[in-house]
Amino acid sequence: MNMKPVRLDDVAQLINDAKHLVALTGAGISKESNVPTFRGPDGLWRNYDVTKLATPQAFAENPSLVWEWYSWRQDLISKCKPNPAHLTLAKWEQDGLLKSIITQNVDGLHRIAGSKRVFEIHGNIWITKCTDCGFKTELSEPATHIPICPDCNGLMRPDVVWFGESLDILTMRYVEDELTTTDVMLVIGTSAVVQPAASFPLIAKDYGATVIEVNIEPTPITQILDYHILGKAGEVLPTLDTFIDHQDPD
């Protein structure tokens, strides 16, 4: 399939006319806010393989070490702010254009930007969950010690999906509803290699959606999608917004 020539005003018209616009976001949108990634050649922390720290087994064996790593990550993320891409998506939701965001990111920047209907399929690094009773609470600053559950005194852990764990069933039900309802989908800053999110755009297409990819480089699914806009989300989305017909809701 040949990609359609990309005219930003045409893409903006698709967004403007969408009945159920959904955005899928990945690490690329957060990278523009200087949120560090923890895979690849930089995926070491104090000589530990971070993929081995992000497991239930690591937490069971050494919760202090795991929390030290997450506290360090929280401190880095706390210095990062939503970028123009986050803010544009929040604006589109406020204007009634965007119905939901499905994100692979755990940094919480979409919510900080003002987005309300956000499905964080990998969890949120600022939310803690009791390992005994399941009680959840949100941190306002990086953890300085292992949080203890106020209900049962159990150990709290970051409410993120670790390696070897399943995604939250309820969240995935909402996501499935969005994928089968959307008529226009934005795929922003995702590598399209991590499952199951890599399949989300294809599911949406199977249900008839027009899928628009925004990325600094092609991905494994680029040729299957309808539009590919090459560039940084923080530049592309605000530019698209200039073509949007922002009308006061009736």
C-alpha atoms as a PDB file:
ATOM      1  CA  MET A   1       0.000   0.000   0.000  1.00  0.00           C
ATOM      2  CA  ASN A   2       1.328   3.445  -0.916  1.00  0.00           C
ATOM      3  CA  MET A   3       1.158   6.111   1.734  1.00  0.00           C
ATOM      4  CA  LYS A   4      -1.130   9.015   0.925  1.00  0.00           C
ATOM      5  CA  PRO A   5       0.647  12.352   0.322  1.00  0.00           C
ATOM      6  CA  VAL A   6       0.539  14.280   3.575  1.00  0.00           C
ATOM      7  CA  ARG A   7      -1.030  17.719   3.626  1.00  0.00           C
ATOM      8  CA  LEU A   8      -1.346  18.971   7.181  1.00  0.00           C
ATOM      9  CA  ASP A   9      -4.539  20.847   6.392  1.00  0.00           C
ATOM     10  CA  ASP A  10      -6.095  17.592   5.101  1.00  0.00           C
ATOM     11  CA  VAL A  11      -5.057  15.730   8.255  1.00  0.00           C
ATOM     12  CA  ALA A  12      -6.398  18.566  10.392  1.00  0.00           C
ATOM     13  CA  GLN A  13      -9.705  18.297   8.540  1.00  0.00           C
ATOM     14  CA  LEU A  14      -9.864  14.583   9.392  1.00  0.00           C
ATOM     15  CA  ILE A  15      -9.275  15.458  13.043  1.00  0.00           C
ATOM     16  CA  ASN A  16     -11.844  18.219  12.918  1.00  0.00           C
ATOM     17  CA  ASP A  17     -14.487  15.972  11.340  1.00  0.00           C
ATOM     18  CA  ALA A  18     -13.801  12.887  13.478  1.00  0.00           C
ATOM     19  CA  LYS A  19     -16.715  11.539  15.453  1.00  0.00           C
ATOM     20  CA  HIS A  20     -14.479   9.620  17.894  1.00  0.00           C
ATOM     21  CA  LEU A  21     -10.833  10.736  17.793  1.00  0.00           C
ATOM     22  CA  VAL A  22      -8.403   8.671  19.881  1.00  0.00           C
ATOM     23  CA  ALA A  23      -4.646   9.145  20.440  1.00  0.00           C
ATOM     24  CA  LEU A  24      -2.104   6.422  21.211  1.00  0.00           C
ATOM     25  CA  THR A  25       1.137   7.780  22.655  1.00  0.00           C
ATOM     26  CA  GLY A  26       4.510   6.203  23.365  1.00  0.00           C
ATOM     27  CA  ALA A  27       7.946   7.090  24.676  1.00  0.00           C
ATOM     28  CA  GLY A  28       8.633   9.546  21.858  1.00  0.00           C
ATOM     29  CA  ILE A  29       6.200  12.149  23.150  1.00  0.00           C
ATOM     30  CA  SER A  30       7.758  12.000  26.621  1.00  0.00           C
ATOM     31  CA  LYS A  31      11.283  12.091  25.257  1.00  0.00           C
ATOM     32  CA  GLU A  32      10.491  15.583  23.971  1.00  0.00           C
ATOM     33  CA  SER A  33       9.944  16.549  27.619  1.00  0.00           C
ATOM     34  CA  ASN A  34      13.371  15.071  28.450  1.00  0.00           C
ATOM     35  CA  VAL A  35      11.902  12.052  30.238  1.00  0.00           C
ATOM     36  CA  PRO A  36      14.732   9.494  30.058  1.00  0.00           C
ATOM     37  CA  THR A  37      14.168   6.025  28.688  1.00  0.00           C
ATOM     38  CA  PHE A  38      15.509   3.020  30.535  1.00  0.00           C
ATOM     39  CA  ARG A  39      16.135   0.502  27.791  1.00  0.00           C
ATOM     40  CA  GLY A  40      18.936   0.081  25.313  1.00  0.00           C
ATOM     41  CA  PRO A  41      22.573   1.083  25.962  1.00  0.00           C
ATOM     42  CA  ASP A  42      21.588   3.488  28.741  1.00  0.00           C
ATOM     43  CA  GLY A  43      19.463   0.912  30.550  1.00  0.00           C
ATOM     44  CA  LEU A  44      21.799   0.499  33.513  1.00  0.00           C
ATOM     45  CA  TRP A  45      21.482   1.972  36.975  1.00  0.00           C
ATOM     46  CA  ARG A  46      24.272   1.491  39.515  1.00  0.00           C
ATOM     47  CA  ASN A  47      25.402  -1.518  37.440  1.00  0.00           C
ATOM     48  CA  TYR A  48      21.976  -3.158  37.697  1.00  0.00           C
ATOM     49  CA  ASP A  49      20.064  -4.340  34.658  1.00  0.00           C
ATOM     50  CA  VAL A  50      16.871  -2.320  35.045  1.00  0.00           C
ATOM     51  CA  THR A  51      14.820  -4.957  33.238  1.00  0.00           C
ATOM     52  CA  LYS A  52      15.623  -7.236  36.168  1.00  0.00           C
ATOM     53  CA  LEU A  53      14.656  -4.597  38.745  1.00  0.00           C
ATOM     54  CA  ALA A  54      11.207  -4.118  37.183  1.00  0.00           C
ATOM     55  CA  THR A  55       9.917  -7.525  38.260  1.00  0.00           C
ATOM     56  CA  PRO A  56       7.826  -8.905  41.126  1.00  0.00           C
ATOM     57  CA  GLN A  57      10.742 -11.191  42.001  1.00  0.00           C
ATOM     58  CA  ALA A  58      13.139  -8.267  42.442  1.00  0.00           C
ATOM     59  CA  PHE A  59      10.666  -6.481  44.703  1.00  0.00           C
ATOM     60  CA  ALA A  60      10.116  -9.603  46.807  1.00  0.00           C
ATOM     61  CA  GLU A  61      13.864 -10.076  47.219  1.00  0.00           C
ATOM     62  CA  ASN A  62      14.887  -6.456  47.782  1.00  0.00           C
ATOM     63  CA  PRO A  63      12.058  -3.904  47.961  1.00  0.00           C
ATOM     64  CA  SER A  64      14.429  -1.191  49.201  1.00  0.00           C
ATOM     65  CA  LEU A  65      16.610  -1.489  46.099  1.00  0.00           C
ATOM     66  CA  VAL A  66      13.615  -1.410  43.762  1.00  0.00           C
ATOM     67  CA  TRP A  67      12.164   1.623  45.529  1.00  0.00           C
ATOM     68  CA  GLU A  68      15.556   3.367  45.421  1.00  0.00           C
ATOM     69  CA  TRP A  69      15.516   2.979  41.642  1.00  0.00           C
ATOM     70  CA  TYR A  70      11.924   4.184  41.319  1.00  0.00           C
ATOM     71  CA  SER A  71      12.580   7.139  43.623  1.00  0.00           C
ATOM     72  CA  TRP A  72      15.518   8.097  41.405  1.00  0.00           C
ATOM     73  CA  ARG A  73      13.270   7.876  38.334  1.00  0.00           C
ATOM     74  CA  GLN A  74      10.548   9.898  40.044  1.00  0.00           C
ATOM     75  CA  ASP A  75      13.074  12.598  40.873  1.00  0.00           C
ATOM     76  CA  LEU A  76      14.154  12.810  37.221  1.00  0.00           C
ATOM     77  CA  ILE A  77      10.555  12.872  35.962  1.00  0.00           C
ATOM     78  CA  SER A  78       9.523  15.492  38.535  1.00  0.00           C
ATOM     79  CA  LYS A  79      11.800  17.955  36.728  1.00  0.00           C
ATOM     80  CA  CYS A  80      10.069  17.336  33.377  1.00  0.00           C
ATOM     81  CA  LYS A  81       7.081  19.318  32.142  1.00  0.00           C
ATOM     82  CA  PRO A  82       4.412  18.575  29.534  1.00  0.00           C
ATOM     83  CA  ASN A  83       5.525  19.714  26.091  1.00  0.00           C
ATOM     84  CA  PRO A  84       3.397  21.339  23.353  1.00  0.00           C
ATOM     85  CA  ALA A  85       2.234  17.914  22.137  1.00  0.00           C
ATOM     86  CA  HIS A  86       0.811  17.019  25.565  1.00  0.00           C
ATOM     87  CA  LEU A  87      -0.791  20.446  25.829  1.00  0.00           C
ATOM     88  CA  THR A  88      -2.332  20.290  22.351  1.00  0.00           C
ATOM     89  CA  LEU A  89      -3.929  16.912  23.092  1.00  0.00           C
ATOM     90  CA  ALA A  90      -5.322  18.306  26.349  1.00  0.00           C
ATOM     91  CA  LYS A  91      -6.698  21.296  24.469  1.00  0.00           C
ATOM     92  CA  TRP A  92      -8.363  19.040  21.891  1.00  0.00           C
ATOM     93  CA  GLU A  93     -10.003  17.026  24.663  1.00  0.00           C
ATOM     94  CA  GLN A  94     -11.237  20.202  26.336  1.00  0.00           C
ATOM     95  CA  ASP A  95     -12.662  21.340  22.987  1.00  0.00           C
ATOM     96  CA  GLY A  96     -14.456  18.018  22.529  1.00  0.00           C
ATOM     97  CA  LEU A  97     -12.308  16.903  19.583  1.00  0.00           C
ATOM     98  CA  LEU A  98     -10.328  14.171  21.352  1.00  0.00           C
ATOM     99  CA  LYS A  99     -12.244  11.464  23.183  1.00  0.00           C
ATOM    100  CA  SER A 100      -9.377   9.619  24.898  1.00  0.00           C
ATOM    101  CA  ILE A 101      -5.641   9.014  25.129  1.00  0.00           C
ATOM    102  CA  ILE A 102      -4.190   5.521  25.337  1.00  0.00           C
ATOM    103  CA  THR A 103      -0.604   5.795  26.554  1.00  0.00           C
ATOM    104  CA  GLN A 104       2.283   3.422  27.109  1.00  0.00           C
ATOM    105  CA  ASN A 105       3.997   6.026  29.308  1.00  0.00           C
ATOM    106  CA  VAL A 106       4.042   5.911  33.112  1.00  0.00           C
ATOM    107  CA  ASP A 107       5.205   9.480  33.752  1.00  0.00           C
ATOM    108  CA  GLY A 108       1.748  11.021  34.210  1.00  0.00           C
ATOM    109  CA  LEU A 109       2.518  13.991  31.938  1.00  0.00           C
ATOM    110  CA  HIS A 110      -0.761  13.718  30.035  1.00  0.00           C
ATOM    111  CA  ARG A 111      -2.703  14.231  33.266  1.00  0.00           C
ATOM    112  CA  ILE A 112      -0.432  17.067  34.342  1.00  0.00           C
ATOM    113  CA  ALA A 113      -1.100  18.708  30.962  1.00  0.00           C
ATOM    114  CA  GLY A 114      -4.816  18.616  31.740  1.00  0.00           C
ATOM    115  CA  SER A 115      -6.029  15.506  29.915  1.00  0.00           C
ATOM    116  CA  LYS A 116      -8.774  13.711  31.835  1.00  0.00           C
ATOM    117  CA  ARG A 117      -9.651  10.554  29.922  1.00  0.00           C
ATOM    118  CA  VAL A 118      -6.277   8.824  29.875  1.00  0.00           C
ATOM    119  CA  PHE A 119      -5.807   5.052  29.815  1.00  0.00           C
ATOM    120  CA  GLU A 120      -2.321   4.307  31.177  1.00  0.00           C
ATOM    121  CA  ILE A 121      -1.880   0.708  30.049  1.00  0.00           C
ATOM    122  CA  HIS A 122       1.494   0.334  31.795  1.00  0.00           C
ATOM    123  CA  GLY A 123       0.426   2.150  34.959  1.00  0.00           C
ATOM    124  CA  ASN A 124       1.629   5.354  36.588  1.00  0.00           C
ATOM    125  CA  ILE A 125       4.929   5.767  38.426  1.00  0.00           C
ATOM    126  CA  TRP A 126       3.342   8.226  40.886  1.00  0.00           C
ATOM    127  CA  ILE A 127       0.654   5.822  42.086  1.00  0.00           C
ATOM    128  CA  THR A 128       1.455   3.194  44.710  1.00  0.00           C
ATOM    129  CA  LYS A 129      -0.393  -0.059  45.333  1.00  0.00           C
ATOM    130  CA  CYS A 130      -0.384  -2.258  48.419  1.00  0.00           C
ATOM    131  CA  THR A 131       1.075  -5.692  47.769  1.00  0.00           C
ATOM    132  CA  ASP A 132      -1.295  -7.206  50.352  1.00  0.00           C
ATOM    133  CA  CYS A 133      -4.712  -5.539  50.107  1.00  0.00           C
ATOM    134  CA  GLY A 134      -4.462  -3.619  46.816  1.00  0.00           C
ATOM    135  CA  PHE A 135      -5.090  -0.146  48.342  1.00  0.00           C
ATOM    136  CA  LYS A 136      -3.864   2.636  46.033  1.00  0.00           C
ATOM    137  CA  THR A 137      -2.693   6.172  46.664  1.00  0.00           C
ATOM    138  CA  GLU A 138      -0.817   8.850  44.727  1.00  0.00           C
ATOM    139  CA  LEU A 139       2.552  10.349  45.657  1.00  0.00           C
ATOM    140  CA  SER A 140       2.996  14.100  45.449  1.00  0.00           C
ATOM    141  CA  GLU A 141       6.797  13.862  45.452  1.00  0.00           C
ATOM    142  CA  PRO A 142       9.492  11.199  45.000  1.00  0.00           C
ATOM    143  CA  ALA A 143       9.427   8.448  47.621  1.00  0.00           C
ATOM    144  CA  THR A 144      12.146   8.742  50.250  1.00  0.00           C
ATOM    145  CA  HIS A 145      11.425   5.338  51.792  1.00  0.00           C
ATOM    146  CA  ILE A 146       9.259   2.272  51.159  1.00  0.00           C
ATOM    147  CA  PRO A 147       5.649   3.486  51.461  1.00  0.00           C
ATOM    148  CA  ILE A 148       3.517   1.542  53.933  1.00  0.00           C
ATOM    149  CA  CYS A 149      -0.180   0.878  53.373  1.00  0.00           C
ATOM    150  CA  PRO A 150      -2.335   2.974  55.736  1.00  0.00           C
ATOM    151  CA  ASP A 151      -5.029   0.282  55.702  1.00  0.00           C
ATOM    152  CA  CYS A 152      -3.106  -2.922  56.450  1.00  0.00           C
ATOM    153  CA  ASN A 153       0.570  -1.909  56.981  1.00  0.00           C
ATOM    154  CA  GLY A 154       1.599  -3.907  53.906  1.00  0.00           C
ATOM    155  CA  LEU A 155       4.402  -2.803  51.592  1.00  0.00           C
ATOM    156  CA  MET A 156       3.368  -0.456  48.800  1.00  0.00           C
ATOM    157  CA  ARG A 157       4.836  -0.874  45.326  1.00  0.00           C
ATOM    158  CA  PRO A 158       4.750   1.355  42.237  1.00  0.00           C
ATOM    159  CA  ASP A 159       1.488   0.784  40.366  1.00  0.00           C
ATOM    160  CA  VAL A 160       3.211  -0.026  37.094  1.00  0.00           C
ATOM    161  CA  VAL A 161       3.196  -3.172  35.000  1.00  0.00           C
ATOM    162  CA  TRP A 162       6.391  -5.098  35.594  1.00  0.00           C
ATOM    163  CA  PHE A 163       7.948  -7.686  33.315  1.00  0.00           C
ATOM    164  CA  GLY A 164       6.007 -10.924  33.589  1.00  0.00           C
ATOM    165  CA  GLU A 165       2.788  -9.204  34.708  1.00  0.00           C
ATOM    166  CA  SER A 166      -0.470  -8.834  32.809  1.00  0.00           C
ATOM    167  CA  LEU A 167      -2.053  -5.522  31.904  1.00  0.00           C
ATOM    168  CA  ASP A 168      -4.992  -4.372  34.021  1.00  0.00           C
ATOM    169  CA  ILE A 169      -8.139  -6.120  32.787  1.00  0.00           C
ATOM    170  CA  LEU A 170     -10.508  -3.188  33.370  1.00  0.00           C
ATOM    171  CA  THR A 171      -8.191  -0.712  31.633  1.00  0.00           C
ATOM    172  CA  MET A 172      -7.883  -3.056  28.663  1.00  0.00           C
ATOM    173  CA  ARG A 173     -11.663  -3.345  28.391  1.00  0.00           C
ATOM    174  CA  TYR A 174     -11.888   0.434  28.078  1.00  0.00           C
ATOM    175  CA  VAL A 175      -9.053   0.391  25.544  1.00  0.00           C
ATOM    176  CA  GLU A 176     -10.812  -2.256  23.471  1.00  0.00           C
ATOM    177  CA  ASP A 177     -13.944  -0.116  23.415  1.00  0.00           C
ATOM    178  CA  GLU A 178     -11.916   2.863  22.195  1.00  0.00           C
ATOM    179  CA  LEU A 179     -10.149   0.873  19.474  1.00  0.00           C
ATOM    180  CA  THR A 180     -13.383  -0.517  18.105  1.00  0.00           C
ATOM    181  CA  THR A 181     -15.211   2.835  18.257  1.00  0.00           C
ATOM    182  CA  THR A 182     -12.630   5.289  16.920  1.00  0.00           C
ATOM    183  CA  ASP A 183     -12.979   6.556  13.369  1.00  0.00           C
ATOM    184  CA  VAL A 184      -9.718   8.559  13.415  1.00  0.00           C
ATOM    185  CA  MET A 185      -6.676   7.524  15.442  1.00  0.00           C
ATOM    186  CA  LEU A 186      -3.427   9.388  16.085  1.00  0.00           C
ATOM    187  CA  VAL A 187      -0.347   7.253  16.802  1.00  0.00           C
ATOM    188  CA  ILE A 188       2.241   9.531  18.379  1.00  0.00           C
ATOM    189  CA  GLY A 189       5.829   8.711  19.294  1.00  0.00           C
ATOM    190  CA  THR A 190       5.427   4.960  19.649  1.00  0.00           C
ATOM    191  CA  SER A 191       8.005   2.512  18.340  1.00  0.00           C
ATOM    192  CA  ALA A 192       5.283   0.040  17.335  1.00  0.00           C
ATOM    193  CA  VAL A 193       7.335  -2.877  18.625  1.00  0.00           C
ATOM    194  CA  VAL A 194       6.054  -3.345  22.192  1.00  0.00           C
ATOM    195  CA  GLN A 195       2.959  -5.514  22.391  1.00  0.00           C
ATOM    196  CA  PRO A 196       0.077  -5.293  22.807  1.00  0.00           C
ATOM    197  CA  ALA A 197       0.157  -1.550  22.015  1.00  0.00           C
ATOM    198  CA  ALA A 198       1.877  -2.185  18.687  1.00  0.00           C
ATOM    199  CA  SER A 199      -1.298  -3.927  17.536  1.00  0.00           C
ATOM    200  CA  PHE A 200      -3.704  -1.176  18.633  1.00  0.00           C
ATOM    201  CA  PRO A 201      -3.464   0.871  15.383  1.00  0.00           C
ATOM    202  CA  LEU A 202      -4.033  -2.278  13.326  1.00  0.00           C
ATOM    203  CA  ILE A 203      -7.103  -3.197  15.381  1.00  0.00           C
ATOM    204  CA  ALA A 204      -8.470   0.308  14.869  1.00  0.00           C
ATOM    205  CA  LYS A 205      -7.889   0.027  11.112  1.00  0.00           C
ATOM    206  CA  ASP A 206      -9.645  -3.337  11.038  1.00  0.00           C
ATOM    207  CA  TYR A 207     -12.686  -1.570  12.485  1.00  0.00           C
ATOM    208  CA  GLY A 208     -12.563   1.113   9.819  1.00  0.00           C
ATOM    209  CA  ALA A 209     -10.512   3.887  11.422  1.00  0.00           C
ATOM    210  CA  THR A 210      -8.203   6.217   9.529  1.00  0.00           C
ATOM    211  CA  VAL A 211      -4.846   6.015  11.320  1.00  0.00           C
ATOM    212  CA  ILE A 212      -2.356   8.889  11.325  1.00  0.00           C
ATOM    213  CA  GLU A 213       1.182   8.312  12.580  1.00  0.00           C
ATOM    214  CA  VAL A 214       3.370  11.126  13.927  1.00  0.00           C
ATOM    215  CA  ASN A 215       6.967  10.097  14.479  1.00  0.00           C
ATOM    216  CA  ILE A 216      10.526  11.245  13.894  1.00  0.00           C
ATOM    217  CA  GLU A 217      11.151   8.078  11.862  1.00  0.00           C
ATOM    218  CA  PRO A 218       9.205   5.281  10.161  1.00  0.00           C
ATOM    219  CA  THR A 219       8.104   2.334  12.299  1.00  0.00           C
ATOM    220  CA  PRO A 220       7.323  -1.305  11.471  1.00  0.00           C
ATOM    221  CA  ILE A 221       3.668  -0.377  10.856  1.00  0.00           C
ATOM    222  CA  THR A 222       4.190   2.855   8.900  1.00  0.00           C
ATOM    223  CA  GLN A 223       3.424   1.368   5.480  1.00  0.00           C
ATOM    224  CA  ILE A 224       0.195  -0.193   6.758  1.00  0.00           C
ATOM    225  CA  LEU A 225      -1.229   3.063   8.085  1.00  0.00           C
ATOM    226  CA  ASP A 226      -3.004   5.830   6.192  1.00  0.00           C
ATOM    227  CA  TYR A 227      -0.775   8.817   6.924  1.00  0.00           C
ATOM    228  CA  HIS A 228       2.754   9.244   8.275  1.00  0.00           C
ATOM    229  CA  ILE A 229       3.810  12.725   9.390  1.00  0.00           C
ATOM    230  CA  LEU A 230       7.579  12.875   9.847  1.00  0.00           C
ATOM    231  CA  GLY A 231       8.580  15.158  12.697  1.00  0.00           C
ATOM    232  CA  LYS A 232       8.491  15.872  16.416  1.00  0.00           C
ATOM    233  CA  ALA A 233       5.073  15.656  18.016  1.00  0.00           C
ATOM    234  CA  GLY A 234       5.737  18.891  19.898  1.00  0.00           C
ATOM    235  CA  GLU A 235       6.022  20.683  16.555  1.00  0.00           C
ATOM    236  CA  VAL A 236       3.548  18.708  14.421  1.00  0.00           C
ATOM    237  CA  LEU A 237       0.535  18.783  16.764  1.00  0.00           C
ATOM    238  CA  PRO A 238       0.577  22.550  17.430  1.00  0.00           C
ATOM    239  CA  THR A 239       0.912  23.082  13.657  1.00  0.00           C
ATOM    240  CA  LEU A 240      -2.080  20.825  13.023  1.00  0.00           C
ATOM    241  CA  ASP A 241      -3.962  22.805  15.648  1.00  0.00           C
ATOM    242  CA  THR A 242      -3.590  25.985  13.590  1.00  0.00           C
ATOM    243  CA  PHE A 243      -5.761  24.342  10.911  1.00  0.00           C
ATOM    244  CA  ILE A 244      -8.408  23.138  13.374  1.00  0.00           C
ATOM    245  CA  ASP A 245     -11.749  24.907  13.352  1.00  0.00           C
ATOM    246  CA  HIS A 246     -12.178  25.679  17.047  1.00  0.00           C
ATOM    247  CA  GLN A 247     -15.795  26.506  17.616  1.00  0.00           C
ATOM    248  CA  ASP A 248     -17.530  27.052  20.907  1.00  0.00           C
ATOM    249  CA  PRO A 249     -19.587  23.944  21.785  1.00  0.00           C
ATOM    250  CA  ASP A 250     -23.346  24.354  21.430  1.00  0.00           C
END
